[in-house]
């Protein structure tokens, strides 16, 4: 059994989101993606928000930050253009720059 459970993590993240005035999340996928993005940021030398006791296990540290309500998750609503169907040429374009937008 996972500890904390997905349900517990979603509850902690939604508590932070409520305090920030952001909508709650219900998706495990959003939770997993946020944990992986936070772990990547920690690997890239971003400072942890809690005492580091995880000996280099950045995913465990990211999950602990969520559990201790240091991280909220902000989802991005699709724009009007993203809802429209795209032609073959438009779908073939792929951005490999690894530049991610900061979500606040």
PDB file of N, CA and C in Angstrom:
ATOM      1  N   UNK A   1       0.837  -1.187   0.000  1.00  0.00           N
ATOM      2  CA  UNK A   1       0.000   0.000   0.000  1.00  0.00           C
ATOM      3  C   UNK A   1       0.879   1.246   0.000  1.00  0.00           C
ATOM      4  N   UNK A   2       0.476   2.215  -0.789  1.00  0.00           N
ATOM      5  CA  UNK A   2       1.217   3.469  -0.873  1.00  0.00           C
ATOM      6  C   UNK A   2       0.884   4.359   0.318  1.00  0.00           C
ATOM      7  N   UNK A   3       1.920   4.972   0.840  1.00  0.00           N
ATOM      8  CA  UNK A   3       1.687   5.951   1.883  1.00  0.00           C
ATOM      9  C   UNK A   3       2.465   7.206   1.537  1.00  0.00           C
ATOM     10  N   UNK A   4       1.888   8.317   1.433  1.00  0.00           N
ATOM     11  CA  UNK A   4       0.449   8.566   1.547  1.00  0.00           C
ATOM     12  C   UNK A   4      -0.287   8.069   0.307  1.00  0.00           C
ATOM     13  N   UNK A   5      -1.562   7.805   0.457  1.00  0.00           N
ATOM     14  CA  UNK A   5      -2.363   7.330  -0.663  1.00  0.00           C
ATOM     15  C   UNK A   5      -2.641   8.486  -1.625  1.00  0.00           C
ATOM     16  N   UNK A   6      -3.080   8.130  -2.837  1.00  0.00           N
ATOM     17  CA  UNK A   6      -3.456   9.167  -3.800  1.00  0.00           C
ATOM     18  C   UNK A   6      -4.524  10.074  -3.215  1.00  0.00           C
ATOM     19  N   UNK A   7      -5.486   9.481  -2.556  1.00  0.00           N
ATOM     20  CA  UNK A   7      -6.590  10.256  -1.979  1.00  0.00           C
ATOM     21  C   UNK A   7      -6.067  11.275  -0.964  1.00  0.00           C
ATOM     22  N   UNK A   8      -5.154  10.837  -0.096  1.00  0.00           N
ATOM     23  CA  UNK A   8      -4.586  11.757   0.899  1.00  0.00           C
ATOM     24  C   UNK A   8      -3.806  12.877   0.216  1.00  0.00           C
ATOM     25  N   UNK A   9      -3.001  12.545  -0.798  1.00  0.00           N
ATOM     26  CA  UNK A   9      -2.231  13.575  -1.499  1.00  0.00           C
ATOM     27  C   UNK A   9      -3.146  14.568  -2.201  1.00  0.00           C
ATOM     28  N   UNK A  10      -4.187  14.064  -2.851  1.00  0.00           N
ATOM     29  CA  UNK A  10      -5.128  14.965  -3.524  1.00  0.00           C
ATOM     30  C   UNK A  10      -5.787  15.887  -2.505  1.00  0.00           C
ATOM     31  N   UNK A  11      -6.135  15.360  -1.336  1.00  0.00           N
ATOM     32  CA  UNK A  11      -6.720  16.195  -0.282  1.00  0.00           C
ATOM     33  C   UNK A  11      -5.755  17.289   0.168  1.00  0.00           C
ATOM     34  N   UNK A  12      -4.476  16.944   0.341  1.00  0.00           N
ATOM     35  CA  UNK A  12      -3.475  17.941   0.755  1.00  0.00           C
ATOM     36  C   UNK A  12      -3.288  19.013  -0.320  1.00  0.00           C
ATOM     37  N   UNK A  13      -3.174  18.587  -1.565  1.00  0.00           N
ATOM     38  CA  UNK A  13      -2.985  19.538  -2.660  1.00  0.00           C
ATOM     39  C   UNK A  13      -4.209  20.433  -2.806  1.00  0.00           C
ATOM     40  N   UNK A  14      -5.402  19.859  -2.683  1.00  0.00           N
ATOM     41  CA  UNK A  14      -6.612  20.662  -2.802  1.00  0.00           C
ATOM     42  C   UNK A  14      -6.761  21.652  -1.655  1.00  0.00           C
ATOM     43  N   UNK A  15      -6.228  21.332  -0.484  1.00  0.00           N
ATOM     44  CA  UNK A  15      -6.228  22.286   0.626  1.00  0.00           C
ATOM     45  C   UNK A  15      -5.390  23.509   0.246  1.00  0.00           C
ATOM     46  N   UNK A  16      -4.220  23.272  -0.348  1.00  0.00           N
ATOM     47  CA  UNK A  16      -3.365  24.376  -0.801  1.00  0.00           C
ATOM     48  C   UNK A  16      -4.071  25.152  -1.907  1.00  0.00           C
ATOM     49  N   UNK A  17      -4.668  24.431  -2.869  1.00  0.00           N
ATOM     50  CA  UNK A  17      -5.371  25.102  -3.960  1.00  0.00           C
ATOM     51  C   UNK A  17      -6.498  25.986  -3.437  1.00  0.00           C
ATOM     52  N   UNK A  18      -7.238  25.520  -2.438  1.00  0.00           N
ATOM     53  CA  UNK A  18      -8.326  26.298  -1.850  1.00  0.00           C
ATOM     54  C   UNK A  18      -7.785  27.582  -1.240  1.00  0.00           C
ATOM     55  N   UNK A  19      -6.657  27.479  -0.535  1.00  0.00           N
ATOM     56  CA  UNK A  19      -6.054  28.670   0.070  1.00  0.00           C
ATOM     57  C   UNK A  19      -5.574  29.656  -0.992  1.00  0.00           C
ATOM     58  N   UNK A  20      -5.144  29.140  -2.149  1.00  0.00           N
ATOM     59  CA  UNK A  20      -4.664  29.994  -3.241  1.00  0.00           C
ATOM     60  C   UNK A  20      -5.806  30.509  -4.110  1.00  0.00           C
ATOM     61  N   UNK A  21      -7.019  30.022  -3.865  1.00  0.00           N
ATOM     62  CA  UNK A  21      -8.152  30.427  -4.683  1.00  0.00           C
ATOM     63  C   UNK A  21      -8.188  29.737  -6.034  1.00  0.00           C
ATOM     64  N   UNK A  22      -7.553  28.599  -6.150  1.00  0.00           N
ATOM     65  CA  UNK A  22      -7.501  27.835  -7.397  1.00  0.00           C
ATOM     66  C   UNK A  22      -8.482  26.677  -7.326  1.00  0.00           C
ATOM     67  N   UNK A  23      -8.930  26.175  -8.477  1.00  0.00           N
ATOM     68  CA  UNK A  23      -9.879  25.056  -8.453  1.00  0.00           C
ATOM     69  C   UNK A  23      -9.217  23.768  -7.968  1.00  0.00           C
ATOM     70  N   UNK A  24      -9.990  22.888  -7.359  1.00  0.00           N
ATOM     71  CA  UNK A  24      -9.438  21.612  -6.891  1.00  0.00           C
ATOM     72  C   UNK A  24      -9.140  20.687  -8.064  1.00  0.00           C
ATOM     73  N   UNK A  25      -8.281  19.709  -7.811  1.00  0.00           N
ATOM     74  CA  UNK A  25      -8.007  18.683  -8.817  1.00  0.00           C
ATOM     75  C   UNK A  25      -8.667  17.388  -8.369  1.00  0.00           C
ATOM     76  N   UNK A  26      -8.960  16.531  -9.313  1.00  0.00           N
ATOM     77  CA  UNK A  26      -9.547  15.235  -9.001  1.00  0.00           C
ATOM     78  C   UNK A  26      -8.798  14.107  -9.692  1.00  0.00           C
ATOM     79  N   UNK A  27      -7.800  14.451 -10.452  1.00  0.00           N
ATOM     80  CA  UNK A  27      -7.134  13.494 -11.312  1.00  0.00           C
ATOM     81  C   UNK A  27      -5.825  12.982 -10.712  1.00  0.00           C
ATOM     82  N   UNK A  28      -5.679  11.669 -10.667  1.00  0.00           N
ATOM     83  CA  UNK A  28      -4.405  11.085 -10.253  1.00  0.00           C
ATOM     84  C   UNK A  28      -3.310  11.459 -11.239  1.00  0.00           C
ATOM     85  N   UNK A  29      -3.674  11.563 -12.511  1.00  0.00           N
ATOM     86  CA  UNK A  29      -2.710  11.933 -13.544  1.00  0.00           C
ATOM     87  C   UNK A  29      -2.101  13.297 -13.231  1.00  0.00           C
ATOM     88  N   UNK A  30      -2.920  14.268 -12.842  1.00  0.00           N
ATOM     89  CA  UNK A  30      -2.407  15.602 -12.495  1.00  0.00           C
ATOM     90  C   UNK A  30      -1.439  15.515 -11.324  1.00  0.00           C
ATOM     91  N   UNK A  31      -1.763  14.674 -10.367  1.00  0.00           N
ATOM     92  CA  UNK A  31      -0.917  14.496  -9.195  1.00  0.00           C
ATOM     93  C   UNK A  31       0.434  13.894  -9.576  1.00  0.00           C
ATOM     94  N   UNK A  32       0.409  12.869 -10.408  1.00  0.00           N
ATOM     95  CA  UNK A  32       1.645  12.203 -10.841  1.00  0.00           C
ATOM     96  C   UNK A  32       2.499  13.160 -11.675  1.00  0.00           C
ATOM     97  N   UNK A  33       1.874  13.903 -12.578  1.00  0.00           N
ATOM     98  CA  UNK A  33       2.619  14.850 -13.406  1.00  0.00           C
ATOM     99  C   UNK A  33       3.244  15.955 -12.555  1.00  0.00           C
ATOM    100  N   UNK A  34       2.509  16.453 -11.577  1.00  0.00           N
ATOM    101  CA  UNK A  34       3.047  17.502 -10.709  1.00  0.00           C
ATOM    102  C   UNK A  34       4.222  16.979  -9.889  1.00  0.00           C
ATOM    103  N   UNK A  35       4.103  15.762  -9.373  1.00  0.00           N
ATOM    104  CA  UNK A  35       5.202  15.174  -8.592  1.00  0.00           C
ATOM    105  C   UNK A  35       6.436  14.985  -9.463  1.00  0.00           C
ATOM    106  N   UNK A  36       6.239  14.539 -10.681  1.00  0.00           N
ATOM    107  CA  UNK A  36       7.393  14.318 -11.555  1.00  0.00           C
ATOM    108  C   UNK A  36       8.041  15.639 -11.966  1.00  0.00           C
ATOM    109  N   UNK A  37       7.227  16.675 -12.229  1.00  0.00           N
ATOM    110  CA  UNK A  37       7.791  17.988 -12.571  1.00  0.00           C
ATOM    111  C   UNK A  37       8.554  18.576 -11.383  1.00  0.00           C
ATOM    112  N   UNK A  38       8.005  18.408 -10.182  1.00  0.00           N
ATOM    113  CA  UNK A  38       8.689  18.923  -8.992  1.00  0.00           C
ATOM    114  C   UNK A  38       9.995  18.164  -8.756  1.00  0.00           C
ATOM    115  N   UNK A  39       9.969  16.841  -8.948  1.00  0.00           N
ATOM    116  CA  UNK A  39      11.197  16.044  -8.790  1.00  0.00           C
ATOM    117  C   UNK A  39      12.246  16.489  -9.798  1.00  0.00           C
ATOM    118  N   UNK A  40      11.833  16.761 -11.022  1.00  0.00           N
ATOM    119  CA  UNK A  40      12.776  17.239 -12.050  1.00  0.00           C
ATOM    120  C   UNK A  40      13.360  18.580 -11.641  1.00  0.00           C
ATOM    121  N   UNK A  41      12.553  19.469 -11.094  1.00  0.00           N
ATOM    122  CA  UNK A  41      13.054  20.769 -10.634  1.00  0.00           C
ATOM    123  C   UNK A  41      14.068  20.576  -9.507  1.00  0.00           C
ATOM    124  N   UNK A  42      13.812  19.641  -8.607  1.00  0.00           N
ATOM    125  CA  UNK A  42      14.755  19.364  -7.517  1.00  0.00           C
ATOM    126  C   UNK A  42      16.060  18.790  -8.061  1.00  0.00           C
ATOM    127  N   UNK A  43      15.959  17.934  -9.055  1.00  0.00           N
ATOM    128  CA  UNK A  43      17.157  17.376  -9.687  1.00  0.00           C
ATOM    129  C   UNK A  43      17.967  18.485 -10.342  1.00  0.00           C
ATOM    130  N   UNK A  44      17.269  19.469 -10.904  1.00  0.00           N
ATOM    131  CA  UNK A  44      17.925  20.602 -11.553  1.00  0.00           C
ATOM    132  C   UNK A  44      18.374  21.663 -10.552  1.00  0.00           C
ATOM    133  N   UNK A  45      18.523  21.268  -9.292  1.00  0.00           N
ATOM    134  CA  UNK A  45      19.105  22.090  -8.223  1.00  0.00           C
ATOM    135  C   UNK A  45      18.184  23.149  -7.646  1.00  0.00           C
ATOM    136  N   UNK A  46      16.886  23.027  -7.819  1.00  0.00           N
ATOM    137  CA  UNK A  46      15.978  23.932  -7.111  1.00  0.00           C
ATOM    138  C   UNK A  46      15.960  23.532  -5.640  1.00  0.00           C
ATOM    139  N   UNK A  47      15.878  24.506  -4.756  1.00  0.00           N
ATOM    140  CA  UNK A  47      15.952  24.168  -3.327  1.00  0.00           C
ATOM    141  C   UNK A  47      14.654  23.537  -2.827  1.00  0.00           C
ATOM    142  N   UNK A  48      14.802  22.528  -1.951  1.00  0.00           N
ATOM    143  CA  UNK A  48      13.626  21.872  -1.391  1.00  0.00           C
ATOM    144  C   UNK A  48      12.875  22.798  -0.438  1.00  0.00           C
ATOM    145  N   UNK A  49      11.580  22.557  -0.291  1.00  0.00           N
ATOM    146  CA  UNK A  49      10.744  23.367   0.589  1.00  0.00           C
ATOM    147  C   UNK A  49      10.658  22.779   1.992  1.00  0.00           C
ATOM    148  N   UNK A  50      11.201  21.580   2.180  1.00  0.00           N
ATOM    149  CA  UNK A  50      11.186  20.927   3.487  1.00  0.00           C
ATOM    150  C   UNK A  50      12.580  20.393   3.784  1.00  0.00           C
ATOM    151  N   UNK A  51      12.785  19.988   5.014  1.00  0.00           N
ATOM    152  CA  UNK A  51      14.064  19.404   5.426  1.00  0.00           C
ATOM    153  C   UNK A  51      14.360  18.174   4.573  1.00  0.00           C
ATOM    154  N   UNK A  52      15.551  18.124   3.971  1.00  0.00           N
ATOM    155  CA  UNK A  52      15.913  17.011   3.093  1.00  0.00           C
ATOM    156  C   UNK A  52      16.331  15.806   3.920  1.00  0.00           C
ATOM    157  N   UNK A  53      15.493  14.784   3.929  1.00  0.00           N
ATOM    158  CA  UNK A  53      15.821  13.556   4.641  1.00  0.00           C
ATOM    159  C   UNK A  53      15.693  12.349   3.722  1.00  0.00           C
ATOM    160  N   UNK A  54      15.696  12.622   2.420  1.00  0.00           N
ATOM    161  CA  UNK A  54      15.422  11.569   1.456  1.00  0.00           C
ATOM    162  C   UNK A  54      16.653  11.090   0.698  1.00  0.00           C
ATOM    163  N   UNK A  55      17.825  11.540   1.062  1.00  0.00           N
ATOM    164  CA  UNK A  55      19.090  11.036   0.528  1.00  0.00           C
ATOM    165  C   UNK A  55      19.104  10.922  -0.991  1.00  0.00           C
ATOM    166  N   UNK A  56      18.712  11.984  -1.665  1.00  0.00           N
ATOM    167  CA  UNK A  56      18.807  11.992  -3.111  1.00  0.00           C
ATOM    168  C   UNK A  56      17.606  11.425  -3.842  1.00  0.00           C
ATOM    169  N   UNK A  57      16.605  10.964  -3.157  1.00  0.00           N
ATOM    170  CA  UNK A  57      15.399  10.451  -3.814  1.00  0.00           C
ATOM    171  C   UNK A  57      14.423  11.614  -4.005  1.00  0.00           C
ATOM    172  N   UNK A  58      14.578  12.271  -5.133  1.00  0.00           N
ATOM    173  CA  UNK A  58      13.847  13.512  -5.371  1.00  0.00           C
ATOM    174  C   UNK A  58      12.341  13.303  -5.528  1.00  0.00           C
ATOM    175  N   UNK A  59      11.919  12.182  -6.075  1.00  0.00           N
ATOM    176  CA  UNK A  59      10.488  11.936  -6.191  1.00  0.00           C
ATOM    177  C   UNK A  59       9.867  11.786  -4.807  1.00  0.00           C
ATOM    178  N   UNK A  60      10.559  11.109  -3.909  1.00  0.00           N
ATOM    179  CA  UNK A  60      10.066  10.972  -2.534  1.00  0.00           C
ATOM    180  C   UNK A  60       9.994  12.338  -1.858  1.00  0.00           C
ATOM    181  N   UNK A  61      10.974  13.173  -2.115  1.00  0.00           N
ATOM    182  CA  UNK A  61      10.974  14.524  -1.551  1.00  0.00           C
ATOM    183  C   UNK A  61       9.811  15.340  -2.119  1.00  0.00           C
ATOM    184  N   UNK A  62       9.555  15.227  -3.417  1.00  0.00           N
ATOM    185  CA  UNK A  62       8.446  15.957  -4.037  1.00  0.00           C
ATOM    186  C   UNK A  62       7.107  15.514  -3.439  1.00  0.00           C
ATOM    187  N   UNK A  63       6.938  14.223  -3.223  1.00  0.00           N
ATOM    188  CA  UNK A  63       5.699  13.715  -2.638  1.00  0.00           C
ATOM    189  C   UNK A  63       5.562  14.186  -1.194  1.00  0.00           C
ATOM    190  N   UNK A  64       6.674  14.215  -0.458  1.00  0.00           N
ATOM    191  CA  UNK A  64       6.633  14.704   0.921  1.00  0.00           C
ATOM    192  C   UNK A  64       6.260  16.183   0.960  1.00  0.00           C
ATOM    193  N   UNK A  65       6.738  16.962  -0.011  1.00  0.00           N
ATOM    194  CA  UNK A  65       6.349  18.376  -0.076  1.00  0.00           C
ATOM    195  C   UNK A  65       4.847  18.515  -0.305  1.00  0.00           C
ATOM    196  N   UNK A  66       4.288  17.648  -1.134  1.00  0.00           N
ATOM    197  CA  UNK A  66       2.839  17.671  -1.354  1.00  0.00           C
ATOM    198  C   UNK A  66       2.099  17.289  -0.079  1.00  0.00           C
ATOM    199  N   UNK A  67       2.603  16.264   0.583  1.00  0.00           N
ATOM    200  CA  UNK A  67       1.956  15.785   1.806  1.00  0.00           C
ATOM    201  C   UNK A  67       1.969  16.855   2.897  1.00  0.00           C
ATOM    202  N   UNK A  68       3.043  17.637   2.963  1.00  0.00           N
ATOM    203  CA  UNK A  68       3.147  18.691   3.976  1.00  0.00           C
ATOM    204  C   UNK A  68       2.546  20.016   3.502  1.00  0.00           C
ATOM    205  N   UNK A  69       1.788  19.948   2.407  1.00  0.00           N
ATOM    206  CA  UNK A  69       1.032  21.082   1.877  1.00  0.00           C
ATOM    207  C   UNK A  69       1.907  22.276   1.517  1.00  0.00           C
ATOM    208  N   UNK A  70       3.027  21.986   0.883  1.00  0.00           N
ATOM    209  CA  UNK A  70       3.913  23.034   0.383  1.00  0.00           C
ATOM    210  C   UNK A  70       3.676  23.300  -1.096  1.00  0.00           C
ATOM    211  N   UNK A  71       2.945  22.401  -1.770  1.00  0.00           N
ATOM    212  CA  UNK A  71       2.757  22.493  -3.211  1.00  0.00           C
ATOM    213  C   UNK A  71       1.273  22.396  -3.545  1.00  0.00           C
ATOM    214  N   UNK A  72       0.817  23.289  -4.421  1.00  0.00           N
ATOM    215  CA  UNK A  72      -0.510  23.195  -5.010  1.00  0.00           C
ATOM    216  C   UNK A  72      -0.345  22.872  -6.484  1.00  0.00           C
ATOM    217  N   UNK A  73      -1.424  22.507  -7.137  1.00  0.00           N
ATOM    218  CA  UNK A  73      -1.370  22.171  -8.556  1.00  0.00           C
ATOM    219  C   UNK A  73      -2.354  23.068  -9.289  1.00  0.00           C
ATOM    220  N   UNK A  74      -1.852  23.786 -10.277  1.00  0.00           N
ATOM    221  CA  UNK A  74      -2.680  24.661 -11.082  1.00  0.00           C
ATOM    222  C   UNK A  74      -2.795  24.032 -12.458  1.00  0.00           C
ATOM    223  N   UNK A  75      -4.011  23.748 -12.868  1.00  0.00           N
ATOM    224  CA  UNK A  75      -4.215  23.179 -14.195  1.00  0.00           C
ATOM    225  C   UNK A  75      -4.459  24.298 -15.186  1.00  0.00           C
ATOM    226  N   UNK A  76      -4.067  24.055 -16.403  1.00  0.00           N
ATOM    227  CA  UNK A  76      -4.226  25.044 -17.467  1.00  0.00           C
ATOM    228  C   UNK A  76      -5.425  24.646 -18.305  1.00  0.00           C
ATOM    229  N   UNK A  77      -6.328  25.578 -18.496  1.00  0.00           N
ATOM    230  CA  UNK A  77      -7.493  25.329 -19.335  1.00  0.00           C
ATOM    231  C   UNK A  77      -7.062  25.385 -20.796  1.00  0.00           C
ATOM    232  N   UNK A  78      -7.570  24.482 -21.638  1.00  0.00           N
ATOM    233  CA  UNK A  78      -7.213  24.543 -23.059  1.00  0.00           C
ATOM    234  C   UNK A  78      -7.757  25.820 -23.687  1.00  0.00           C
ATOM    235  N   UNK A  79      -6.962  26.405 -24.562  1.00  0.00           N
ATOM    236  CA  UNK A  79      -7.412  27.618 -25.236  1.00  0.00           C
ATOM    237  C   UNK A  79      -8.416  27.250 -26.321  1.00  0.00           C
ATOM    238  N   UNK A  80      -9.067  28.243 -26.853  1.00  0.00           N
ATOM    239  CA  UNK A  80     -10.066  28.014 -27.888  1.00  0.00           C
ATOM    240  C   UNK A  80      -9.430  27.344 -29.103  1.00  0.00           C
ATOM    241  N   UNK A  81      -8.197  27.731 -29.443  1.00  0.00           N
ATOM    242  CA  UNK A  81      -7.513  27.160 -30.606  1.00  0.00           C
ATOM    243  C   UNK A  81      -7.218  25.681 -30.417  1.00  0.00           C
ATOM    244  N   UNK A  82      -6.951  25.248 -29.191  1.00  0.00           N
ATOM    245  CA  UNK A  82      -6.617  23.855 -28.943  1.00  0.00           C
ATOM    246  C   UNK A  82      -7.824  22.944 -29.099  1.00  0.00           C
ATOM    247  N   UNK A  83      -9.031  23.496 -28.981  1.00  0.00           N
ATOM    248  CA  UNK A  83     -10.238  22.693 -29.121  1.00  0.00           C
ATOM    249  C   UNK A  83     -10.588  22.418 -30.582  1.00  0.00           C
ATOM    250  N   UNK A  84     -10.057  23.224 -31.482  1.00  0.00           N
ATOM    251  CA  UNK A  84     -10.350  23.050 -32.896  1.00  0.00           C
ATOM    252  C   UNK A  84      -9.483  21.935 -33.464  1.00  0.00           C
ATOM    253  N   UNK A  85     -10.013  21.239 -34.465  1.00  0.00           N
ATOM    254  CA  UNK A  85      -9.214  20.193 -35.099  1.00  0.00           C
ATOM    255  C   UNK A  85      -8.109  20.829 -35.925  1.00  0.00           C
ATOM    256  N   UNK A  86      -6.992  20.148 -36.006  1.00  0.00           N
ATOM    257  CA  UNK A  86      -5.827  20.682 -36.700  1.00  0.00           C
ATOM    258  C   UNK A  86      -5.574  19.858 -37.948  1.00  0.00           C
ATOM    259  N   UNK A  87      -4.997  20.502 -38.930  1.00  0.00           N
ATOM    260  CA  UNK A  87      -4.604  19.793 -40.145  1.00  0.00           C
ATOM    261  C   UNK A  87      -3.345  18.975 -39.892  1.00  0.00           C
ATOM    262  N   UNK A  88      -3.025  18.100 -40.829  1.00  0.00           N
ATOM    263  CA  UNK A  88      -1.875  17.210 -40.679  1.00  0.00           C
ATOM    264  C   UNK A  88      -0.576  17.989 -40.492  1.00  0.00           C
ATOM    265  N   UNK A  89      -0.379  19.061 -41.258  1.00  0.00           N
ATOM    266  CA  UNK A  89       0.860  19.838 -41.170  1.00  0.00           C
ATOM    267  C   UNK A  89       1.021  20.498 -39.805  1.00  0.00           C
ATOM    268  N   UNK A  90      -0.076  20.952 -39.210  1.00  0.00           N
ATOM    269  CA  UNK A  90       0.003  21.585 -37.899  1.00  0.00           C
ATOM    270  C   UNK A  90       0.321  20.575 -36.805  1.00  0.00           C
ATOM    271  N   UNK A  91      -0.128  19.331 -36.950  1.00  0.00           N
ATOM    272  CA  UNK A  91       0.131  18.318 -35.938  1.00  0.00           C
ATOM    273  C   UNK A  91       1.575  17.834 -35.984  1.00  0.00           C
ATOM    274  N   UNK A  92       2.238  17.993 -37.119  1.00  0.00           N
ATOM    275  CA  UNK A  92       3.586  17.460 -37.280  1.00  0.00           C
ATOM    276  C   UNK A  92       4.637  18.303 -36.562  1.00  0.00           C
ATOM    277  N   UNK A  93       4.312  19.513 -36.162  1.00  0.00           N
ATOM    278  CA  UNK A  93       5.276  20.386 -35.510  1.00  0.00           C
ATOM    279  C   UNK A  93       5.434  19.952 -34.049  1.00  0.00           C
ATOM    280  N   UNK A  94       6.677  19.706 -33.637  1.00  0.00           N
ATOM    281  CA  UNK A  94       6.960  19.282 -32.267  1.00  0.00           C
ATOM    282  C   UNK A  94       8.000  20.222 -31.685  1.00  0.00           C
ATOM    283  N   UNK A  95       7.764  20.711 -30.484  1.00  0.00           N
ATOM    284  CA  UNK A  95       8.705  21.589 -29.799  1.00  0.00           C
ATOM    285  C   UNK A  95       9.602  20.748 -28.908  1.00  0.00           C
ATOM    286  N   UNK A  96      10.873  20.682 -29.234  1.00  0.00           N
ATOM    287  CA  UNK A  96      11.830  19.911 -28.449  1.00  0.00           C
ATOM    288  C   UNK A  96      12.759  20.799 -27.640  1.00  0.00           C
ATOM    289  N   UNK A  97      12.363  22.034 -27.388  1.00  0.00           N
ATOM    290  CA  UNK A  97      13.242  22.976 -26.705  1.00  0.00           C
ATOM    291  C   UNK A  97      13.316  22.756 -25.203  1.00  0.00           C
ATOM    292  N   UNK A  98      12.414  21.939 -24.631  1.00  0.00           N
ATOM    293  CA  UNK A  98      12.360  21.691 -23.189  1.00  0.00           C
ATOM    294  C   UNK A  98      12.144  22.956 -22.383  1.00  0.00           C
ATOM    295  N   UNK A  99      11.501  23.930 -22.963  1.00  0.00           N
ATOM    296  CA  UNK A  99      11.165  25.149 -22.234  1.00  0.00           C
ATOM    297  C   UNK A  99       9.761  25.008 -21.715  1.00  0.00           C
ATOM    298  N   UNK A 100       9.598  24.976 -20.405  1.00  0.00           N
ATOM    299  CA  UNK A 100       8.294  24.815 -19.782  1.00  0.00           C
ATOM    300  C   UNK A 100       7.851  26.120 -19.167  1.00  0.00           C
ATOM    301  N   UNK A 101       6.560  26.370 -19.240  1.00  0.00           N
ATOM    302  CA  UNK A 101       6.011  27.560 -18.603  1.00  0.00           C
ATOM    303  C   UNK A 101       5.913  27.324 -17.117  1.00  0.00           C
ATOM    304  N   UNK A 102       6.247  28.337 -16.316  1.00  0.00           N
ATOM    305  CA  UNK A 102       6.082  28.231 -14.862  1.00  0.00           C
ATOM    306  C   UNK A 102       4.610  28.352 -14.552  1.00  0.00           C
ATOM    307  N   UNK A 103       4.098  27.418 -13.771  1.00  0.00           N
ATOM    308  CA  UNK A 103       2.716  27.460 -13.352  1.00  0.00           C
ATOM    309  C   UNK A 103       2.667  27.962 -11.923  1.00  0.00           C
ATOM    310  N   UNK A 104       1.939  29.028 -11.730  1.00  0.00           N
ATOM    311  CA  UNK A 104       1.821  29.603 -10.393  1.00  0.00           C
ATOM    312  C   UNK A 104       0.445  29.425  -9.877  1.00  0.00           C
TER     313      UNK A 104
END
